[in-house]
Amino acid sequence: MTKTVHHWIGGKTVQGTSGNSGPVTDPATGEVTTRVDFASLAEVDAAVAAAKAAYADWGQSSLAQRTAVLFKFRGLLDANRDAIAELITAEHGKVHSDALGEVARGLEIVDLACGITVQLKGELSTQVSSRVDVASIRQPLGVVAGITPFNFPAMVPMWMFPLAIACGNTFILKPSEKDPSASLKIAELLAEAGLPEGVFNVVHGDKVAVDRLLEHPDVAAVSFVGSTPIAKYIHTTASANGKRVQALGGAKNHMLVLPDADLDAAADAAVSAAYGSAGERCMAISAVVAVGDIADELVAKIRERAEKIKIGPGNDPTSEMGPLITAAHRDKVAGYVRGAKEQGCEVVLDGTGHSVEGFENGHWIGLSLLDRVPVTADAYQDEIFGPVLCVLRTETYEEGLALINNSPFGNGTAIFTRDGGAARRFQLEVEAGMVGVNVPIPVPVGYHSFGGWKDSLFGDHHIYGNDGTHFYTRGKVVTTRWPDPADAPTGVDLGFPRNH
């Protein structure tokens, strides 16, 4: 029998009334294990109303009250990290160790939120004019929403809501309908930590729920992580409705390998970054750019390592890579590999048709490696979001840099070299928001913001870090003058105010 995942509104589980629901599949078996309620317009409105009512008190609560709840939540999250990881593995398919890593990255942002008092300190200038002081303060926005993807069902929401509620906002999460259970577990832990009812809400669903959040007049801001086409839609629609928006889109992350690089280290990094989590990461390395005459040796080393990766169910401790999220996505990824040769690619490894004994109905695909990939090939042009690594070859650093900068995406990139001058030049010249130097997946720590350039980000703010705090607050400047009782009346002055 399947279970049903319901909404979380006003501090409690709320069963859906729309009559619509969606299947949640165990990717390792292909079996539907869960149904998830899809919210109606009325149910989204109920969540917004609960958040708006809660904001009246939460927005006025002290920083000490907010951080006390977050400290308790952090302890509960840490104690339940295995349980959350198991939910992720059961619905997403990633191996347990990878799921644990996801929870750990989310904990970093909770840590940051626990110290929000420092981030929200204002500024004061005294005597800017005679007996006049000016102060700058930051205040919460009100009701804010997060729309998050399937590939990180715990981490990406935790990039958003801890800072949002620490800043005094109330939050509505619309997680992916493909793996919704982790969000409900998080809601329960927040309630156990003492978060007041209505401060954190979860509504499940499809485009109906998303569009209502984008249009609702009481939602002040929307955070989004997902594909570029949807990020553009989120940004355009929410902005047209007067909302603040941060919408993180897709990626085609390049790794530039110079001739002086340690090729064993580069091959290790390429395999780890390309095939980890079956390539379902927005920070996955999906294109290696080999400079000079190192390509043949580098490709051989990547192939040698890739062929040893064990693919299996995520709850098997010996598995290094699990299945893809759905059968449809598996088939889409396989299509890029099957059509690669006719588009000019050399297929070094073909992972299509892979199967795991005893789990034949799972959403399996093996590791694929494409060499001599033309920039016109679909496998290079598109974000595949699967375990497919493209290798491109250039003669010079300048050609490699130009190739990377010509990509419409600008999420993350990396360079592998022993040359400090080349690395410094790359980090200044490459057009991407996150750069790794001998680091294949340059995801910033919690107190540095995460975000890309070009078609990888729509909006003015990156996510978490200082940008996150600024996104979830708005500035106010207060100018104060307390005249001395002995002052003589100044009279009426219609001139522009002057400081003196």
Protein backbone atom coordinates (compact mmCIF):
# COMPACT_ATOMS: atom_id res chain seq x y z
CA MET A 1 0.00 0.00 0.00
CA THR A 2 1.17 3.51 -0.75
CA LYS A 3 1.31 6.34 1.74
CA THR A 4 0.09 9.87 1.01
CA VAL A 5 2.07 13.02 1.63
CA HIS A 6 -0.16 15.93 2.66
CA HIS A 7 0.35 19.67 2.99
CA TRP A 8 1.65 21.42 6.12
CA ILE A 9 -0.36 24.57 6.83
CA GLY A 10 -0.63 26.52 10.06
CA GLY A 11 1.58 24.15 12.01
CA LYS A 12 -0.21 20.90 11.18
CA THR A 13 -0.74 18.31 8.48
CA VAL A 14 -3.61 19.22 6.16
CA GLN A 15 -5.10 16.64 3.82
CA GLY A 16 -5.61 17.84 0.27
CA THR A 17 -9.14 18.49 -0.92
CA SER A 18 -8.50 19.20 -4.60
CA GLY A 19 -8.86 15.56 -5.59
CA ASN A 20 -5.60 15.79 -7.51
CA SER A 21 -2.43 13.97 -6.57
CA GLY A 22 0.75 12.67 -8.14
CA PRO A 23 2.81 9.48 -7.88
CA VAL A 24 6.14 9.29 -6.06
CA THR A 25 8.35 6.47 -7.32
CA ASP A 26 11.24 4.57 -5.80
CA PRO A 27 13.79 5.07 -8.60
CA ALA A 28 15.64 1.86 -7.73
CA THR A 29 12.57 -0.35 -8.25
CA GLY A 30 10.31 1.73 -10.47
CA GLU A 31 7.45 1.13 -8.02
CA VAL A 32 5.04 3.86 -6.92
CA THR A 33 5.44 3.99 -3.15
CA THR A 34 3.69 7.24 -2.31
CA ARG A 35 1.02 9.65 -3.50
CA VAL A 36 1.40 13.39 -2.94
CA ASP A 37 -1.52 15.80 -2.71
CA PHE A 38 -1.66 18.58 -5.29
CA ALA A 39 -2.89 21.87 -3.88
CA SER A 40 -5.88 23.73 -5.22
CA LEU A 41 -5.95 27.53 -5.43
CA ALA A 42 -7.91 27.57 -2.17
CA GLU A 43 -5.26 25.49 -0.40
CA VAL A 44 -2.45 27.78 -1.57
CA ASP A 45 -4.52 30.74 -0.39
CA ALA A 46 -4.97 29.04 3.00
CA ALA A 47 -1.21 28.63 3.35
CA VAL A 48 -0.62 32.28 2.46
CA ALA A 49 -3.31 33.36 4.93
CA ALA A 50 -1.69 31.27 7.68
CA ALA A 51 1.71 32.78 6.91
CA LYS A 52 0.30 36.31 6.83
CA ALA A 53 -1.42 35.84 10.18
CA ALA A 54 1.76 34.43 11.71
CA TYR A 55 3.84 37.32 10.39
CA ALA A 56 1.96 39.78 12.60
CA ASP A 57 3.79 38.34 15.62
CA TRP A 58 6.86 36.68 14.09
CA GLY A 59 7.88 39.84 12.23
CA GLN A 60 7.90 41.68 15.57
CA SER A 61 9.63 38.92 17.52
CA SER A 62 13.07 39.52 18.96
CA LEU A 63 16.22 38.22 17.34
CA ALA A 64 16.78 36.22 20.51
CA GLN A 65 13.43 34.44 20.09
CA ARG A 66 14.10 33.60 16.46
CA THR A 67 17.60 32.29 16.97
CA ALA A 68 16.54 30.25 20.01
CA VAL A 69 14.12 28.32 17.78
CA LEU A 70 16.76 27.90 15.08
CA PHE A 71 19.31 26.57 17.57
CA LYS A 72 16.80 23.94 18.70
CA PHE A 73 15.97 23.10 15.10
CA ARG A 74 19.66 22.72 14.30
CA GLY A 75 20.03 20.14 17.07
CA LEU A 76 16.98 18.21 15.91
CA LEU A 77 18.15 18.32 12.30
CA ASP A 78 21.54 16.98 13.28
CA ALA A 79 19.95 14.17 15.32
CA ASN A 80 17.64 13.23 12.43
CA ARG A 81 20.06 13.53 9.54
CA ASP A 82 20.02 9.76 8.88
CA ALA A 83 16.22 9.66 8.80
CA ILE A 84 16.08 12.57 6.35
CA ALA A 85 18.79 10.98 4.19
CA GLU A 86 16.79 7.76 4.06
CA LEU A 87 13.73 9.67 2.79
CA ILE A 88 15.87 11.33 0.12
CA THR A 89 17.34 8.02 -1.03
CA ALA A 90 13.92 6.34 -1.15
CA GLU A 91 12.40 9.04 -3.38
CA HIS A 92 15.33 10.57 -5.24
CA GLY A 93 17.56 7.50 -5.55
CA LYS A 94 20.92 9.04 -4.61
CA VAL A 95 23.19 6.93 -2.43
CA HIS A 96 22.90 7.36 1.33
CA SER A 97 26.30 8.98 1.78
CA ASP A 98 25.42 11.59 -0.86
CA ALA A 99 22.08 12.24 0.84
CA LEU A 100 23.88 12.73 4.15
CA GLY A 101 26.18 15.22 2.46
CA GLU A 102 23.15 17.13 1.23
CA VAL A 103 21.79 17.44 4.76
CA ALA A 104 25.20 18.55 6.02
CA ARG A 105 25.33 21.36 3.43
CA GLY A 106 21.88 22.50 4.52
CA LEU A 107 23.04 22.53 8.13
CA GLU A 108 25.67 25.10 7.16
CA ILE A 109 22.95 27.59 6.30
CA VAL A 110 21.09 26.84 9.53
CA ASP A 111 24.37 27.63 11.32
CA LEU A 112 24.52 30.93 9.47
CA ALA A 113 20.92 31.72 10.37
CA CYS A 114 21.64 31.02 14.04
CA GLY A 115 24.10 33.91 13.88
CA ILE A 116 21.73 36.25 12.04
CA THR A 117 22.11 38.90 14.74
CA VAL A 118 25.44 39.91 13.23
CA GLN A 119 24.04 40.00 9.69
CA LEU A 120 21.14 42.26 10.71
CA LYS A 121 23.17 44.87 12.55
CA GLY A 122 22.29 48.32 11.31
CA GLU A 123 24.42 51.42 10.86
CA LEU A 124 24.38 54.74 12.68
CA SER A 125 25.96 58.05 11.77
CA THR A 126 25.75 60.77 14.39
CA GLN A 127 25.97 64.52 13.86
CA VAL A 128 25.53 64.35 10.09
CA SER A 129 24.12 67.83 10.61
CA SER A 130 23.55 69.89 13.71
CA ARG A 131 21.91 67.48 16.21
CA VAL A 132 20.88 65.17 13.36
CA ASP A 133 21.57 61.43 13.35
CA VAL A 134 20.97 58.95 10.52
CA ALA A 135 20.42 55.22 11.03
CA SER A 136 20.09 52.42 8.49
CA ILE A 137 18.10 49.34 9.47
CA ARG A 138 16.87 46.21 7.69
CA GLN A 139 13.37 44.84 8.12
CA PRO A 140 11.60 41.67 6.95
CA LEU A 141 9.45 41.58 3.82
CA GLY A 142 6.49 39.57 5.13
CA VAL A 143 5.32 36.35 3.46
CA VAL A 144 7.96 34.81 1.15
CA ALA A 145 7.93 31.61 -0.90
CA GLY A 146 10.45 29.05 -2.09
CA ILE A 147 10.02 26.77 -5.11
CA THR A 148 12.62 24.03 -5.06
CA PRO A 149 13.85 21.20 -7.34
CA PHE A 150 13.91 17.43 -7.04
CA ASN A 151 17.67 16.97 -7.00
CA PHE A 152 18.22 18.40 -3.50
CA PRO A 153 14.92 18.03 -1.62
CA ALA A 154 16.44 18.95 1.75
CA MET A 155 19.45 21.15 0.98
CA VAL A 156 17.94 23.69 -1.41
CA PRO A 157 14.96 24.49 0.86
CA MET A 158 17.50 24.97 3.65
CA TRP A 159 19.32 27.47 1.44
CA MET A 160 16.16 29.57 1.74
CA PHE A 161 13.90 29.23 4.75
CA PRO A 162 16.42 29.41 7.66
CA LEU A 163 17.59 32.87 6.59
CA ALA A 164 14.07 33.97 5.64
CA ILE A 165 12.54 33.13 9.01
CA ALA A 166 15.63 34.32 10.94
CA CYS A 167 15.13 37.71 9.28
CA GLY A 168 11.52 37.77 10.55
CA ASN A 169 9.62 36.57 7.47
CA THR A 170 7.14 33.72 7.26
CA PHE A 171 7.72 31.08 4.61
CA ILE A 172 5.80 28.89 2.15
CA LEU A 173 7.70 26.02 0.55
CA LYS A 174 6.55 24.40 -2.70
CA PRO A 175 8.92 21.43 -3.03
CA SER A 176 9.24 19.12 -6.01
CA GLU A 177 6.35 16.71 -6.31
CA LYS A 178 8.83 13.97 -7.25
CA ASP A 179 10.38 13.64 -3.75
CA PRO A 180 8.22 15.53 -1.22
CA SER A 181 8.68 13.60 2.03
CA ALA A 182 11.85 15.33 3.25
CA SER A 183 10.05 18.69 3.34
CA LEU A 184 7.36 17.29 5.66
CA LYS A 185 9.97 15.86 8.00
CA ILE A 186 11.66 19.24 8.15
CA ALA A 187 8.31 20.92 8.92
CA GLU A 188 7.75 18.51 11.80
CA LEU A 189 11.22 19.23 13.22
CA LEU A 190 10.62 22.98 13.02
CA ALA A 191 7.37 22.55 14.94
CA GLU A 192 9.16 20.41 17.52
CA ALA A 193 11.75 23.16 17.88
CA GLY A 194 9.00 25.59 18.86
CA LEU A 195 8.47 27.53 15.63
CA PRO A 196 5.06 29.21 15.90
CA GLU A 197 2.22 27.90 13.76
CA GLY A 198 2.09 29.40 10.30
CA VAL A 199 5.68 30.62 10.16
CA PHE A 200 6.67 27.66 7.94
CA ASN A 201 4.20 26.04 5.55
CA VAL A 202 4.45 23.41 2.81
CA VAL A 203 2.12 23.11 -0.17
CA HIS A 204 2.63 20.39 -2.75
CA GLY A 205 1.50 20.50 -6.31
CA ASP A 206 2.13 21.43 -9.90
CA LYS A 207 1.84 24.55 -12.03
CA VAL A 208 -1.46 25.49 -10.37
CA ALA A 209 0.27 25.94 -7.01
CA VAL A 210 3.32 27.63 -8.51
CA ASP A 211 1.34 30.17 -10.50
CA ARG A 212 -0.82 31.07 -7.51
CA LEU A 213 2.27 31.80 -5.42
CA LEU A 214 3.69 33.94 -8.23
CA GLU A 215 0.48 35.93 -8.51
CA HIS A 216 -0.73 36.12 -4.91
CA PRO A 217 -0.73 39.75 -3.69
CA ASP A 218 0.33 38.78 -0.16
CA VAL A 219 3.54 37.00 -1.27
CA ALA A 220 6.34 39.55 -1.22
CA ALA A 221 9.22 37.52 -2.65
CA VAL A 222 9.93 34.26 -4.43
CA SER A 223 13.10 32.14 -4.42
CA PHE A 224 13.53 29.48 -7.08
CA VAL A 225 16.09 26.86 -8.13
CA GLY A 226 15.55 24.81 -11.28
CA SER A 227 16.00 24.79 -15.04
CA THR A 228 16.69 27.93 -17.08
CA PRO A 229 13.36 27.99 -18.98
CA ILE A 230 11.39 27.76 -15.74
CA ALA A 231 13.68 30.25 -14.00
CA LYS A 232 12.95 32.76 -16.78
CA TYR A 233 9.23 32.13 -16.37
CA ILE A 234 9.38 32.49 -12.58
CA HIS A 235 11.36 35.73 -12.86
CA THR A 236 9.11 37.26 -15.51
CA THR A 237 5.83 36.28 -13.89
CA ALA A 238 6.71 37.13 -10.30
CA SER A 239 8.34 40.43 -11.28
CA ALA A 240 5.26 41.40 -13.28
CA ASN A 241 3.29 40.88 -10.08
CA GLY A 242 5.56 43.24 -8.13
CA LYS A 243 7.57 40.63 -6.26
CA ARG A 244 11.23 40.44 -5.42
CA VAL A 245 12.70 37.41 -7.23
CA GLN A 246 15.83 35.30 -7.17
CA ALA A 247 15.61 32.53 -9.77
CA LEU A 248 18.58 30.21 -10.20
CA GLY A 249 18.59 28.41 -13.53
CA GLY A 250 20.49 25.69 -15.33
CA ALA A 251 24.15 25.13 -16.03
CA LYS A 252 26.79 23.70 -18.29
CA ASN A 253 29.79 23.67 -16.00
CA HIS A 254 33.21 23.46 -17.64
CA MET A 255 36.49 22.20 -16.22
CA LEU A 256 39.53 23.60 -18.00
CA VAL A 257 42.56 21.32 -17.74
CA LEU A 258 45.91 22.91 -18.66
CA PRO A 259 48.90 20.88 -19.90
CA ASP A 260 50.79 21.29 -16.61
CA ALA A 261 47.93 19.88 -14.48
CA ASP A 262 48.22 16.73 -12.38
CA LEU A 263 46.21 14.50 -14.73
CA ASP A 264 45.49 11.86 -12.10
CA ALA A 265 44.00 14.51 -9.83
CA ALA A 266 42.11 16.03 -12.76
CA ALA A 267 40.70 12.64 -13.78
CA ASP A 268 39.62 11.88 -10.20
CA ALA A 269 37.92 15.28 -10.01
CA ALA A 270 36.22 14.93 -13.40
CA VAL A 271 34.73 11.53 -12.55
CA SER A 272 33.62 12.65 -9.09
CA ALA A 273 32.06 15.89 -10.31
CA ALA A 274 30.47 14.51 -13.48
CA TYR A 275 28.95 11.29 -12.15
CA GLY A 276 28.24 12.05 -8.49
CA SER A 277 24.51 11.89 -7.76
CA ALA A 278 24.17 10.44 -11.30
CA GLY A 279 24.92 13.89 -12.69
CA GLU A 280 21.69 15.34 -11.26
CA ARG A 281 23.43 18.39 -9.82
CA CYS A 282 23.37 21.96 -11.06
CA MET A 283 27.06 22.11 -10.14
CA ALA A 284 28.04 18.89 -11.93
CA ILE A 285 30.97 19.14 -14.30
CA SER A 286 29.49 18.17 -17.66
CA ALA A 287 32.22 19.47 -19.99
CA VAL A 288 35.98 18.97 -19.66
CA VAL A 289 38.10 21.23 -21.86
CA ALA A 290 41.51 19.65 -22.43
CA VAL A 291 44.20 22.09 -23.56
CA GLY A 292 47.15 21.03 -25.71
CA ASP A 293 48.30 17.46 -26.13
CA ILE A 294 46.99 16.02 -22.86
CA ALA A 295 43.53 15.00 -24.07
CA ASP A 296 44.24 11.39 -25.04
CA GLU A 297 45.92 10.63 -21.72
CA LEU A 298 43.25 12.47 -19.73
CA VAL A 299 40.38 10.68 -21.49
CA ALA A 300 42.04 7.31 -20.88
CA LYS A 301 42.39 8.08 -17.17
CA ILE A 302 38.75 9.23 -16.93
CA ARG A 303 37.57 6.09 -18.69
CA GLU A 304 39.63 3.84 -16.42
CA ARG A 305 38.05 5.36 -13.34
CA ALA A 306 34.51 5.56 -14.72
CA GLU A 307 34.44 1.88 -15.61
CA LYS A 308 35.04 0.98 -11.95
CA ILE A 309 32.07 2.93 -10.52
CA LYS A 310 29.52 0.61 -8.95
CA ILE A 311 25.92 1.44 -9.79
CA GLY A 312 23.16 0.17 -7.53
CA PRO A 313 20.35 1.05 -5.11
CA GLY A 314 21.06 4.05 -2.94
CA ASN A 315 20.44 2.12 0.27
CA ASP A 316 23.18 -0.38 -0.61
CA PRO A 317 26.36 0.81 1.18
CA THR A 318 28.50 -0.51 -1.67
CA SER A 319 26.73 1.57 -4.33
CA GLU A 320 28.57 4.66 -5.57
CA MET A 321 25.89 5.90 -7.99
CA GLY A 322 22.15 5.35 -7.93
CA PRO A 323 19.38 5.56 -10.55
CA LEU A 324 17.86 8.63 -12.17
CA ILE A 325 14.76 10.22 -10.70
CA THR A 326 12.23 8.96 -13.30
CA ALA A 327 12.10 6.60 -16.25
CA ALA A 328 11.21 9.51 -18.54
CA HIS A 329 14.30 11.43 -17.46
CA ARG A 330 16.43 8.31 -17.89
CA ASP A 331 15.18 7.94 -21.46
CA LYS A 332 15.82 11.62 -22.20
CA VAL A 333 19.42 11.37 -20.96
CA ALA A 334 19.98 8.19 -22.97
CA GLY A 335 18.80 10.00 -26.09
CA TYR A 336 21.74 12.40 -25.93
CA VAL A 337 24.18 9.49 -25.91
CA ARG A 338 22.42 7.54 -28.65
CA GLY A 339 22.45 10.55 -30.95
CA ALA A 340 26.00 11.66 -30.14
CA LYS A 341 27.93 9.76 -32.81
CA GLU A 342 25.92 11.11 -35.72
CA GLN A 343 26.51 14.61 -34.36
CA GLY A 344 30.27 14.20 -34.51
CA CYS A 345 31.12 12.88 -31.03
CA GLU A 346 33.35 9.93 -30.28
CA VAL A 347 31.46 7.66 -27.86
CA VAL A 348 34.11 6.35 -25.46
CA LEU A 349 31.63 4.93 -22.93
CA ASP A 350 27.96 4.25 -23.62
CA GLY A 351 25.93 3.85 -20.45
CA THR A 352 22.56 3.38 -22.11
CA GLY A 353 20.85 0.05 -21.58
CA HIS A 354 22.48 -0.47 -18.18
CA SER A 355 20.59 -2.72 -15.76
CA VAL A 356 21.03 -3.80 -12.15
CA GLU A 357 20.32 -7.43 -11.29
CA GLY A 358 17.29 -7.79 -9.09
CA PHE A 359 16.18 -4.21 -9.83
CA GLU A 360 15.47 -4.48 -13.54
CA ASN A 361 12.54 -2.03 -13.40
CA GLY A 362 14.61 0.75 -11.83
CA HIS A 363 15.52 3.94 -13.64
CA TRP A 364 19.06 2.84 -14.43
CA ILE A 365 21.62 4.30 -16.75
CA GLY A 366 25.37 3.79 -16.80
CA LEU A 367 28.18 6.30 -17.11
CA SER A 368 28.73 7.80 -20.56
CA LEU A 369 31.87 9.55 -21.82
CA LEU A 370 31.92 11.49 -25.10
CA ASP A 371 35.18 12.72 -26.62
CA ARG A 372 35.98 15.23 -29.40
CA VAL A 373 32.58 16.81 -28.85
CA PRO A 374 31.69 19.61 -31.29
CA VAL A 375 30.15 22.71 -29.72
CA THR A 376 27.18 22.18 -32.06
CA ALA A 377 26.29 18.79 -30.58
CA ASP A 378 23.11 18.58 -28.49
CA ALA A 379 25.08 16.84 -25.74
CA TYR A 380 27.14 20.01 -25.36
CA GLN A 381 24.46 22.61 -26.04
CA ASP A 382 21.91 21.34 -23.50
CA GLU A 383 21.95 20.77 -19.77
CA ILE A 384 21.62 16.97 -19.74
CA PHE A 385 21.33 16.54 -15.97
CA GLY A 386 22.60 12.98 -16.07
CA PRO A 387 25.85 10.96 -15.98
CA VAL A 388 27.18 12.12 -19.35
CA LEU A 389 30.59 13.81 -19.55
CA CYS A 390 31.68 15.66 -22.70
CA VAL A 391 35.36 16.25 -23.52
CA LEU A 392 36.29 19.12 -25.81
CA ARG A 393 39.79 19.86 -27.09
CA THR A 394 41.53 23.19 -27.62
CA GLU A 395 45.08 24.14 -28.51
CA THR A 396 45.48 27.07 -26.12
CA TYR A 397 44.25 28.53 -22.86
CA GLU A 398 42.71 31.43 -24.79
CA GLU A 399 40.67 29.08 -26.97
CA GLY A 400 39.46 27.18 -23.92
CA LEU A 401 38.50 30.37 -22.11
CA ALA A 402 36.62 31.66 -25.14
CA LEU A 403 34.74 28.36 -25.42
CA ILE A 404 33.62 28.61 -21.81
CA ASN A 405 32.69 32.28 -22.04
CA ASN A 406 30.66 31.68 -25.21
CA SER A 407 28.33 29.34 -23.32
CA PRO A 408 24.98 30.92 -22.44
CA PHE A 409 25.34 29.44 -18.95
CA GLY A 410 27.59 30.86 -16.26
CA ASN A 411 26.93 28.87 -13.11
CA GLY A 412 30.19 27.22 -12.03
CA THR A 413 33.55 26.44 -13.60
CA ALA A 414 36.95 25.11 -12.62
CA ILE A 415 40.56 25.17 -13.76
CA PHE A 416 43.16 22.49 -13.07
CA THR A 417 46.75 23.72 -13.24
CA ARG A 418 49.95 24.10 -11.24
CA ASP A 419 50.46 27.62 -12.63
CA GLY A 420 49.35 30.25 -10.15
CA GLY A 421 49.47 33.00 -12.75
CA ALA A 422 47.20 31.09 -15.10
CA ALA A 423 44.79 30.31 -12.27
CA ARG A 424 44.65 33.95 -11.21
CA ARG A 425 44.05 35.04 -14.79
CA PHE A 426 41.27 32.47 -15.19
CA GLN A 427 39.40 33.49 -12.06
CA LEU A 428 39.33 37.09 -13.28
CA GLU A 429 38.57 36.42 -16.94
CA VAL A 430 36.04 33.59 -16.86
CA GLU A 431 32.37 34.58 -17.03
CA ALA A 432 30.83 32.46 -14.30
CA GLY A 433 29.56 33.14 -10.82
CA MET A 434 31.51 30.41 -9.01
CA VAL A 435 35.09 29.42 -9.83
CA GLY A 436 37.19 26.52 -8.56
CA VAL A 437 40.98 26.38 -8.73
CA ASN A 438 41.84 22.68 -8.59
CA VAL A 439 38.38 22.31 -7.00
CA PRO A 440 35.87 20.68 -9.37
CA ILE A 441 32.63 21.66 -7.60
CA PRO A 442 33.15 25.17 -6.22
CA VAL A 443 30.04 25.43 -4.05
CA PRO A 444 30.67 28.28 -1.60
CA VAL A 445 30.45 27.76 2.13
CA GLY A 446 27.35 29.13 3.82
CA TYR A 447 28.75 32.58 4.55
CA HIS A 448 29.62 33.18 0.87
CA SER A 449 26.70 33.43 -1.55
CA PHE A 450 25.85 30.83 -4.20
CA GLY A 451 24.88 32.02 -7.66
CA GLY A 452 25.75 32.09 -11.33
CA TRP A 453 25.85 34.54 -14.20
CA LYS A 454 24.09 34.83 -17.55
CA ASP A 455 21.32 32.25 -18.08
CA SER A 456 22.11 30.61 -14.74
CA LEU A 457 20.60 33.42 -12.66
CA PHE A 458 17.63 35.74 -13.05
CA GLY A 459 17.36 38.50 -10.46
CA ASP A 460 19.80 40.69 -8.62
CA HIS A 461 20.60 38.49 -5.62
CA HIS A 462 22.48 35.24 -5.24
CA ILE A 463 21.24 32.73 -2.66
CA TYR A 464 22.27 32.46 1.01
CA GLY A 465 25.28 34.29 2.48
CA ASN A 466 25.06 38.09 2.58
CA ASP A 467 22.96 38.14 -0.58
CA GLY A 468 20.42 35.88 1.10
CA THR A 469 20.09 38.17 4.09
CA HIS A 470 19.69 41.20 1.84
CA PHE A 471 17.14 39.41 -0.33
CA TYR A 472 14.88 38.60 2.62
CA THR A 473 15.05 42.10 4.10
CA ARG A 474 14.59 45.65 2.87
CA GLY A 475 16.49 48.70 3.95
CA LYS A 476 15.11 51.68 5.80
CA VAL A 477 16.93 54.90 6.64
CA VAL A 478 15.81 56.95 9.63
CA THR A 479 16.88 60.59 10.01
CA THR A 480 16.39 62.00 13.51
CA ARG A 481 16.71 65.46 15.03
CA TRP A 482 16.09 66.17 18.71
CA PRO A 483 16.35 69.94 19.10
CA ASP A 484 17.75 71.44 22.24
CA PRO A 485 15.11 73.23 24.32
CA ALA A 486 17.27 76.35 24.16
CA ASP A 487 17.15 76.47 20.36
CA ALA A 488 15.40 79.44 18.86
CA PRO A 489 12.68 78.74 16.29
CA THR A 490 14.17 78.36 12.81
CA GLY A 491 11.12 79.45 10.88
CA VAL A 492 9.84 78.19 7.55
CA ASP A 493 12.46 77.30 4.92
CA LEU A 494 11.30 76.02 1.50
CA GLY A 495 14.83 75.42 0.27
CA PHE A 496 16.29 71.96 -0.28
CA PRO A 497 17.52 70.51 3.07
CA ARG A 498 21.25 71.08 3.65
CA ASN A 499 23.60 69.55 6.15
CA HIS A 500 25.43 72.16 8.20
